[in-house]
Protein backbone atom coordinates (compact mmCIF):
# COMPACT_ATOMS: atom_id res chain seq x y z
CA MET A 1 13.55 -2.60 -6.27
CA ILE A 2 10.95 -4.71 -8.26
CA SER A 3 9.54 -3.27 -11.25
CA ASP A 4 6.65 -4.55 -13.32
CA ILE A 5 4.80 -3.02 -16.33
CA LYS A 6 2.06 -1.84 -13.95
CA TYR A 7 3.95 -0.91 -10.79
CA THR A 8 7.23 -0.59 -8.98
CA ILE A 9 7.89 -1.79 -5.32
CA SER A 10 11.06 -0.55 -3.38
CA LEU A 11 12.24 -0.78 0.08
CA LEU A 12 12.42 2.62 1.48
CA GLU A 13 13.68 1.66 4.91
CA PRO A 14 13.74 -1.60 6.78
CA HIS A 15 10.02 -2.53 7.14
CA ILE A 16 8.87 0.25 4.84
CA VAL A 17 7.81 -0.74 1.24
CA LYS A 18 6.62 1.74 -1.43
CA ILE A 19 4.26 0.74 -4.16
CA HIS A 20 4.25 3.13 -6.97
CA ILE A 21 1.45 2.28 -9.50
CA HIS A 22 2.23 3.48 -13.06
CA GLU A 23 0.06 5.88 -14.97
CA ASP A 24 -3.25 4.09 -16.24
CA ALA A 25 -2.31 0.75 -14.83
CA ASP A 26 -4.99 -1.86 -14.09
CA ILE A 27 -4.28 -3.62 -10.89
CA ASP A 28 -6.25 -6.89 -10.48
CA LEU A 29 -6.42 -9.69 -7.86
CA LYS A 30 -3.27 -11.55 -9.35
CA ASP A 31 -1.29 -8.26 -8.97
CA ALA A 32 -2.49 -7.84 -5.47
CA VAL A 33 -1.29 -11.27 -4.52
CA VAL A 34 1.98 -10.84 -6.28
CA MET A 35 2.69 -7.57 -4.68
CA ARG A 36 2.39 -8.96 -1.06
CA GLU A 37 4.79 -11.67 -2.02
CA GLN A 38 7.25 -9.15 -3.37
CA ALA A 39 6.90 -6.97 -0.42
CA LEU A 40 7.62 -9.90 1.84
CA THR A 41 10.75 -10.50 -0.14
CA LEU A 42 11.95 -7.13 -0.02
CA VAL A 43 11.62 -6.90 3.77
CA GLY A 44 13.14 -10.37 4.17
CA GLY A 45 9.97 -11.79 5.73
CA GLY A 46 8.31 -10.49 8.79
CA LYS A 47 6.25 -7.40 9.44
CA PHE A 48 6.17 -4.37 7.15
CA THR A 49 4.22 -1.13 6.29
CA ILE A 50 3.13 0.06 2.88
CA LEU A 51 3.61 3.61 1.42
CA PHE A 52 1.21 3.54 -1.29
CA ASP A 53 1.82 6.29 -4.01
CA ALA A 54 -1.65 7.10 -5.42
CA ASN A 55 -0.52 10.17 -7.35
CA HIS A 56 -1.36 8.73 -10.76
CA ARG A 57 -4.52 7.57 -12.40
CA GLY A 58 -5.26 3.86 -12.52
CA ASN A 59 -7.78 1.26 -11.60
CA ILE A 60 -7.71 -1.38 -8.85
CA THR A 61 -10.35 -3.95 -9.30
CA PRO A 62 -12.87 -4.68 -6.48
CA GLU A 63 -11.14 -8.19 -6.14
CA ALA A 64 -7.74 -6.62 -5.63
CA ARG A 65 -9.19 -3.96 -3.17
CA THR A 66 -10.76 -6.79 -1.22
CA GLN A 67 -7.34 -8.48 -1.10
CA PHE A 68 -5.49 -5.48 -0.11
CA ALA A 69 -7.86 -5.02 2.87
CA CYS A 70 -8.20 -8.78 3.86
CA LYS A 71 -6.95 -10.22 7.32
CA GLU A 72 -4.47 -12.71 5.29
CA TYR A 73 -2.98 -9.81 3.47
CA THR A 74 -2.43 -7.74 6.64
CA ASP A 75 -1.31 -10.38 8.98
CA VAL A 76 2.17 -9.16 8.15
CA ARG A 77 1.34 -5.65 7.06
CA VAL A 78 1.07 -3.42 10.24
CA GLY A 79 0.05 -0.28 8.40
CA ALA A 80 -0.53 1.34 5.17
CA ALA A 81 -0.24 5.05 4.07
CA ILE A 82 -1.93 6.22 0.95
CA VAL A 83 -0.12 9.21 -0.37
CA THR A 84 -1.91 11.60 -2.98
CA ASN A 85 -2.43 15.19 -3.75
CA SER A 86 -5.33 14.39 -6.08
CA ILE A 87 -8.80 15.12 -4.53
CA ALA A 88 -10.29 12.41 -6.65
CA ASN A 89 -7.76 9.89 -5.29
CA LYS A 90 -8.51 11.02 -1.65
CA ILE A 91 -12.04 10.30 -2.08
CA ILE A 92 -11.26 6.90 -3.67
CA GLY A 93 -9.00 6.31 -0.89
CA ASN A 94 -11.49 7.23 1.74
CA PHE A 95 -14.00 4.90 0.19
CA PHE A 96 -11.47 2.17 0.37
CA ILE A 97 -11.00 2.58 3.94
CA LYS A 98 -14.71 2.89 4.83
CA PHE A 99 -16.09 0.30 2.47
CA ASN A 100 -13.37 -2.35 2.56
CA LYS A 101 -12.24 -1.78 6.20
CA PRO A 102 -8.57 -2.82 5.93
CA ALA A 103 -7.47 -4.96 8.85
CA SER A 104 -4.47 -3.07 9.44
CA PRO A 105 -4.38 0.73 10.21
CA THR A 106 -4.76 2.83 7.02
CA ARG A 107 -4.47 6.50 6.59
CA ILE A 108 -4.28 9.02 3.57
CA PHE A 109 -1.59 11.69 3.45
CA SER A 110 -1.03 14.69 1.27
CA ASN A 111 2.79 14.31 1.46
CA GLU A 112 5.28 11.44 1.76
CA LEU A 113 7.19 12.72 4.69
CA SER A 114 4.29 12.86 7.02
CA ALA A 115 3.25 9.36 5.74
CA LEU A 116 6.73 8.10 6.55
CA GLU A 117 6.63 9.41 10.10
CA TRP A 118 3.35 7.71 10.73
CA LEU A 119 4.67 4.50 9.18
CA ARG A 120 7.87 4.59 11.22
CA ASP A 121 5.64 4.86 14.27
CA ARG A 122 3.54 1.85 13.13
CA VAL A 123 6.80 -0.13 12.78
CA LYS A 124 8.03 0.86 16.30
CA GLN A 125 4.64 -0.19 17.94
CA SER A 126 4.72 -3.47 16.00
CA ILE A 127 8.17 -4.85 15.99
């Protein structure tokens, strides 16, 4: 597990990384770049998926959203699941998917179990 003042990243299973954004955190481009490197470290290099816990309030800058969606970031990320029960965060997540068009498959889920099942399938298809 890697913890920062803004977020915590942990390895849930081989090839599945969980990113938990802390309440009221502001995630910028530098954070997005560091998160990718930390995820790669946790999985030991190679392909991975992300379970993004979006149940708290926070802010992700447009530059960070662009970084999270870009081909360079997603060359090794084979899927991302955004998990939230918040209607507002679901709207923001859908906006991210439609506007930023992540280069890897990205879906929104209401619970972590469904997200994990989908991520496991992404891993099986990609590795």
